[in-house]
Amino acid sequence: MEVVVFVFSLLDCCALIFLSVYFIITLSDLECDYINARSCCSKLNKWVIPELIGHAIVTVLMLISLHWFIFLLNLPVATWNIYRMILALIND
């Protein structure tokens, strides 16, 4: 069971790193005026919820599999993502 959890966590973290790089590239395109702000927001907004879900799944899996240290490392980032999503829902 632990092997499956860690393999899934590794794949999920690779996807989250890819999303982070995509965010950075898109924001640098915005900074260089290659795309406008509306286009940038539409590109990035569709990836916020999958990022939140991916990080929450890894955090919950670490809690369920009783890996406390890794869970405590992931908890602040998952909490921040949830807080960010709540703020986005309130502002809409």
N, C-alpha and C. Protein backbone atom coordinates (compact mmCIF):
# COMPACT_ATOMS: atom_id res chain seq x y z
N MET A 1 0.82 -1.20 0.00
CA MET A 1 0.00 0.00 0.00
C MET A 1 0.86 1.27 0.00
N GLU A 2 1.94 1.23 0.78
CA GLU A 2 2.80 2.42 0.86
C GLU A 2 3.44 2.73 -0.48
N VAL A 3 3.81 1.69 -1.22
CA VAL A 3 4.44 1.91 -2.51
C VAL A 3 3.47 2.61 -3.46
N VAL A 4 2.23 2.18 -3.46
CA VAL A 4 1.22 2.79 -4.32
C VAL A 4 1.02 4.26 -3.95
N VAL A 5 0.97 4.54 -2.65
CA VAL A 5 0.78 5.92 -2.18
C VAL A 5 1.94 6.79 -2.62
N PHE A 6 3.15 6.30 -2.46
CA PHE A 6 4.30 7.13 -2.81
C PHE A 6 4.48 7.27 -4.33
N VAL A 7 4.14 6.24 -5.10
CA VAL A 7 4.21 6.36 -6.55
C VAL A 7 3.18 7.37 -7.04
N PHE A 8 1.95 7.28 -6.50
CA PHE A 8 0.93 8.25 -6.88
C PHE A 8 1.35 9.66 -6.46
N SER A 9 1.93 9.80 -5.28
CA SER A 9 2.39 11.11 -4.81
C SER A 9 3.49 11.66 -5.71
N LEU A 10 4.38 10.79 -6.16
CA LEU A 10 5.44 11.22 -7.06
C LEU A 10 4.88 11.72 -8.38
N LEU A 11 3.93 10.97 -8.96
CA LEU A 11 3.31 11.39 -10.21
C LEU A 11 2.53 12.68 -10.04
N ASP A 12 1.82 12.80 -8.91
CA ASP A 12 1.05 14.01 -8.64
C ASP A 12 1.97 15.22 -8.46
N CYS A 13 3.07 15.02 -7.77
CA CYS A 13 4.01 16.13 -7.57
C CYS A 13 4.66 16.54 -8.90
N CYS A 14 4.90 15.57 -9.78
CA CYS A 14 5.42 15.91 -11.11
C CYS A 14 4.42 16.76 -11.88
N ALA A 15 3.15 16.40 -11.79
CA ALA A 15 2.10 17.19 -12.46
C ALA A 15 2.01 18.58 -11.85
N LEU A 16 2.13 18.69 -10.53
CA LEU A 16 2.06 20.00 -9.87
C LEU A 16 3.26 20.86 -10.24
N ILE A 17 4.43 20.26 -10.38
CA ILE A 17 5.61 21.01 -10.81
C ILE A 17 5.43 21.49 -12.25
N PHE A 18 4.87 20.64 -13.10
CA PHE A 18 4.59 21.04 -14.48
C PHE A 18 3.62 22.23 -14.50
N LEU A 19 2.58 22.17 -13.65
CA LEU A 19 1.64 23.29 -13.58
C LEU A 19 2.33 24.57 -13.10
N SER A 20 3.22 24.46 -12.15
CA SER A 20 3.94 25.63 -11.65
C SER A 20 4.79 26.26 -12.76
N VAL A 21 5.46 25.42 -13.53
CA VAL A 21 6.27 25.92 -14.64
C VAL A 21 5.37 26.57 -15.69
N TYR A 22 4.22 25.96 -15.95
CA TYR A 22 3.27 26.54 -16.90
C TYR A 22 2.78 27.91 -16.41
N PHE A 23 2.50 28.03 -15.13
CA PHE A 23 2.08 29.31 -14.56
C PHE A 23 3.18 30.35 -14.74
N ILE A 24 4.43 29.98 -14.47
CA ILE A 24 5.54 30.93 -14.58
C ILE A 24 5.73 31.38 -16.02
N ILE A 25 5.65 30.44 -16.96
CA ILE A 25 5.81 30.79 -18.37
C ILE A 25 4.69 31.71 -18.83
N THR A 26 3.46 31.40 -18.43
CA THR A 26 2.33 32.24 -18.82
C THR A 26 2.44 33.63 -18.22
N LEU A 27 2.85 33.72 -16.97
CA LEU A 27 3.01 35.03 -16.34
C LEU A 27 4.17 35.81 -16.95
N SER A 28 5.22 35.12 -17.38
CA SER A 28 6.32 35.84 -18.04
C SER A 28 5.87 36.33 -19.42
N ASP A 29 5.01 35.57 -20.10
CA ASP A 29 4.44 36.06 -21.36
C ASP A 29 3.60 37.30 -21.13
N LEU A 30 2.88 37.33 -20.04
CA LEU A 30 2.08 38.51 -19.70
C LEU A 30 2.99 39.71 -19.42
N GLU A 31 4.08 39.46 -18.72
CA GLU A 31 5.01 40.54 -18.39
C GLU A 31 5.66 41.12 -19.65
N CYS A 32 5.93 40.27 -20.62
CA CYS A 32 6.56 40.73 -21.87
C CYS A 32 5.56 41.22 -22.90
N ASP A 33 4.29 41.28 -22.53
CA ASP A 33 3.22 41.75 -23.41
C ASP A 33 3.00 40.87 -24.64
N TYR A 34 3.26 39.57 -24.50
CA TYR A 34 2.94 38.65 -25.58
C TYR A 34 1.46 38.27 -25.56
N ILE A 35 0.86 38.30 -24.37
CA ILE A 35 -0.57 38.04 -24.23
C ILE A 35 -1.16 39.12 -23.33
N ASN A 36 -2.46 39.33 -23.45
CA ASN A 36 -3.09 40.34 -22.60
C ASN A 36 -3.55 39.71 -21.29
N ALA A 37 -3.98 40.53 -20.36
CA ALA A 37 -4.33 40.06 -19.02
C ALA A 37 -5.53 39.13 -19.04
N ARG A 38 -6.50 39.42 -19.86
CA ARG A 38 -7.70 38.57 -19.93
C ARG A 38 -7.34 37.17 -20.42
N SER A 39 -6.50 37.11 -21.43
CA SER A 39 -6.09 35.81 -21.97
C SER A 39 -5.27 35.03 -20.93
N CYS A 40 -4.41 35.74 -20.22
CA CYS A 40 -3.59 35.10 -19.18
C CYS A 40 -4.48 34.53 -18.08
N CYS A 41 -5.45 35.30 -17.64
CA CYS A 41 -6.35 34.83 -16.58
C CYS A 41 -7.17 33.64 -17.04
N SER A 42 -7.64 33.66 -18.27
CA SER A 42 -8.44 32.54 -18.74
C SER A 42 -7.60 31.27 -18.87
N LYS A 43 -6.32 31.42 -19.22
CA LYS A 43 -5.44 30.26 -19.30
C LYS A 43 -5.13 29.69 -17.92
N LEU A 44 -4.90 30.56 -16.95
CA LEU A 44 -4.47 30.09 -15.64
C LEU A 44 -5.63 29.67 -14.74
N ASN A 45 -6.78 30.31 -14.89
CA ASN A 45 -7.90 30.00 -14.00
C ASN A 45 -8.42 28.58 -14.16
N LYS A 46 -8.31 28.02 -15.36
CA LYS A 46 -8.83 26.67 -15.54
C LYS A 46 -7.95 25.61 -14.89
N TRP A 47 -6.75 25.98 -14.44
CA TRP A 47 -5.85 25.02 -13.79
C TRP A 47 -5.79 25.17 -12.27
N VAL A 48 -6.51 26.11 -11.70
CA VAL A 48 -6.46 26.34 -10.26
C VAL A 48 -7.14 25.20 -9.50
N ILE A 49 -8.32 24.80 -9.94
CA ILE A 49 -9.05 23.73 -9.24
C ILE A 49 -8.33 22.39 -9.37
N PRO A 50 -7.80 21.99 -10.55
CA PRO A 50 -7.03 20.74 -10.59
C PRO A 50 -5.79 20.78 -9.68
N GLU A 51 -5.16 21.95 -9.57
CA GLU A 51 -4.02 22.08 -8.66
C GLU A 51 -4.45 21.87 -7.22
N LEU A 52 -5.56 22.46 -6.85
CA LEU A 52 -6.10 22.31 -5.51
C LEU A 52 -6.44 20.86 -5.22
N ILE A 53 -7.10 20.21 -6.14
CA ILE A 53 -7.50 18.81 -5.95
C ILE A 53 -6.27 17.90 -5.86
N GLY A 54 -5.30 18.12 -6.73
CA GLY A 54 -4.09 17.30 -6.70
C GLY A 54 -3.35 17.41 -5.39
N HIS A 55 -3.21 18.61 -4.89
CA HIS A 55 -2.49 18.78 -3.64
C HIS A 55 -3.29 18.25 -2.45
N ALA A 56 -4.60 18.43 -2.49
CA ALA A 56 -5.45 17.92 -1.40
C ALA A 56 -5.43 16.39 -1.36
N ILE A 57 -5.41 15.75 -2.53
CA ILE A 57 -5.37 14.28 -2.56
C ILE A 57 -4.09 13.76 -1.94
N VAL A 58 -2.96 14.37 -2.27
CA VAL A 58 -1.69 13.93 -1.69
C VAL A 58 -1.69 14.14 -0.18
N THR A 59 -2.21 15.26 0.27
CA THR A 59 -2.25 15.54 1.70
C THR A 59 -3.13 14.53 2.43
N VAL A 60 -4.29 14.23 1.89
CA VAL A 60 -5.19 13.26 2.52
C VAL A 60 -4.60 11.86 2.48
N LEU A 61 -3.94 11.49 1.38
CA LEU A 61 -3.31 10.18 1.31
C LEU A 61 -2.22 10.02 2.37
N MET A 62 -1.46 11.08 2.60
CA MET A 62 -0.43 11.00 3.63
C MET A 62 -1.04 10.89 5.03
N LEU A 63 -2.17 11.52 5.23
CA LEU A 63 -2.87 11.41 6.51
C LEU A 63 -3.41 10.01 6.70
N ILE A 64 -4.03 9.45 5.67
CA ILE A 64 -4.61 8.11 5.77
C ILE A 64 -3.54 7.05 5.95
N SER A 65 -2.41 7.21 5.26
CA SER A 65 -1.35 6.20 5.36
C SER A 65 -0.44 6.43 6.57
N LEU A 66 -0.78 7.39 7.40
CA LEU A 66 -0.09 7.67 8.67
C LEU A 66 1.36 8.10 8.50
N HIS A 67 1.63 8.84 7.46
CA HIS A 67 2.94 9.47 7.29
C HIS A 67 2.82 10.90 7.80
N TRP A 68 2.98 11.05 9.09
CA TRP A 68 2.67 12.31 9.76
C TRP A 68 3.59 13.44 9.34
N PHE A 69 4.87 13.16 9.20
CA PHE A 69 5.81 14.22 8.87
C PHE A 69 5.52 14.79 7.48
N ILE A 70 5.29 13.91 6.51
CA ILE A 70 5.00 14.38 5.15
C ILE A 70 3.64 15.08 5.13
N PHE A 71 2.69 14.56 5.91
CA PHE A 71 1.39 15.23 6.02
C PHE A 71 1.55 16.64 6.57
N LEU A 72 2.35 16.79 7.62
CA LEU A 72 2.54 18.12 8.20
C LEU A 72 3.30 19.05 7.27
N LEU A 73 4.15 18.51 6.40
CA LEU A 73 4.82 19.35 5.40
C LEU A 73 3.84 19.83 4.33
N ASN A 74 2.89 18.99 3.97
CA ASN A 74 1.92 19.34 2.92
C ASN A 74 0.76 20.17 3.43
N LEU A 75 0.47 20.10 4.72
CA LEU A 75 -0.71 20.76 5.27
C LEU A 75 -0.71 22.28 5.06
N PRO A 76 0.38 23.01 5.30
CA PRO A 76 0.31 24.47 5.08
C PRO A 76 0.02 24.85 3.63
N VAL A 77 0.59 24.13 2.68
CA VAL A 77 0.36 24.45 1.27
C VAL A 77 -1.08 24.12 0.88
N ALA A 78 -1.59 22.99 1.35
CA ALA A 78 -2.98 22.63 1.06
C ALA A 78 -3.93 23.64 1.69
N THR A 79 -3.63 24.07 2.91
CA THR A 79 -4.45 25.07 3.57
C THR A 79 -4.43 26.39 2.80
N TRP A 80 -3.26 26.78 2.32
CA TRP A 80 -3.14 28.01 1.54
C TRP A 80 -3.95 27.92 0.26
N ASN A 81 -3.90 26.76 -0.43
CA ASN A 81 -4.67 26.59 -1.66
C ASN A 81 -6.17 26.66 -1.39
N ILE A 82 -6.62 26.07 -0.30
CA ILE A 82 -8.04 26.13 0.05
C ILE A 82 -8.44 27.56 0.39
N TYR A 83 -7.61 28.26 1.13
CA TYR A 83 -7.88 29.66 1.47
C TYR A 83 -7.96 30.52 0.22
N ARG A 84 -7.05 30.27 -0.73
CA ARG A 84 -7.04 31.01 -1.99
C ARG A 84 -8.31 30.74 -2.80
N MET A 85 -8.78 29.50 -2.76
CA MET A 85 -10.00 29.16 -3.48
C MET A 85 -11.23 29.81 -2.83
N ILE A 86 -11.28 29.82 -1.51
CA ILE A 86 -12.38 30.46 -0.82
C ILE A 86 -12.42 31.95 -1.13
N LEU A 87 -11.27 32.61 -1.15
CA LEU A 87 -11.22 34.02 -1.50
C LEU A 87 -11.69 34.26 -2.93
N ALA A 88 -11.30 33.37 -3.83
CA ALA A 88 -11.73 33.52 -5.22
C ALA A 88 -13.24 33.36 -5.35
N LEU A 89 -13.81 32.45 -4.59
CA LEU A 89 -15.27 32.25 -4.64
C LEU A 89 -16.01 33.44 -4.03
N ILE A 90 -15.44 34.01 -2.98
CA ILE A 90 -16.08 35.16 -2.33
C ILE A 90 -16.03 36.38 -3.25
N ASN A 91 -14.90 36.58 -3.93
CA ASN A 91 -14.74 37.76 -4.79
C ASN A 91 -15.52 37.68 -6.08
N ASP A 92 -15.96 36.50 -6.46
CA ASP A 92 -16.77 36.38 -7.69
C ASP A 92 -18.17 36.70 -7.37
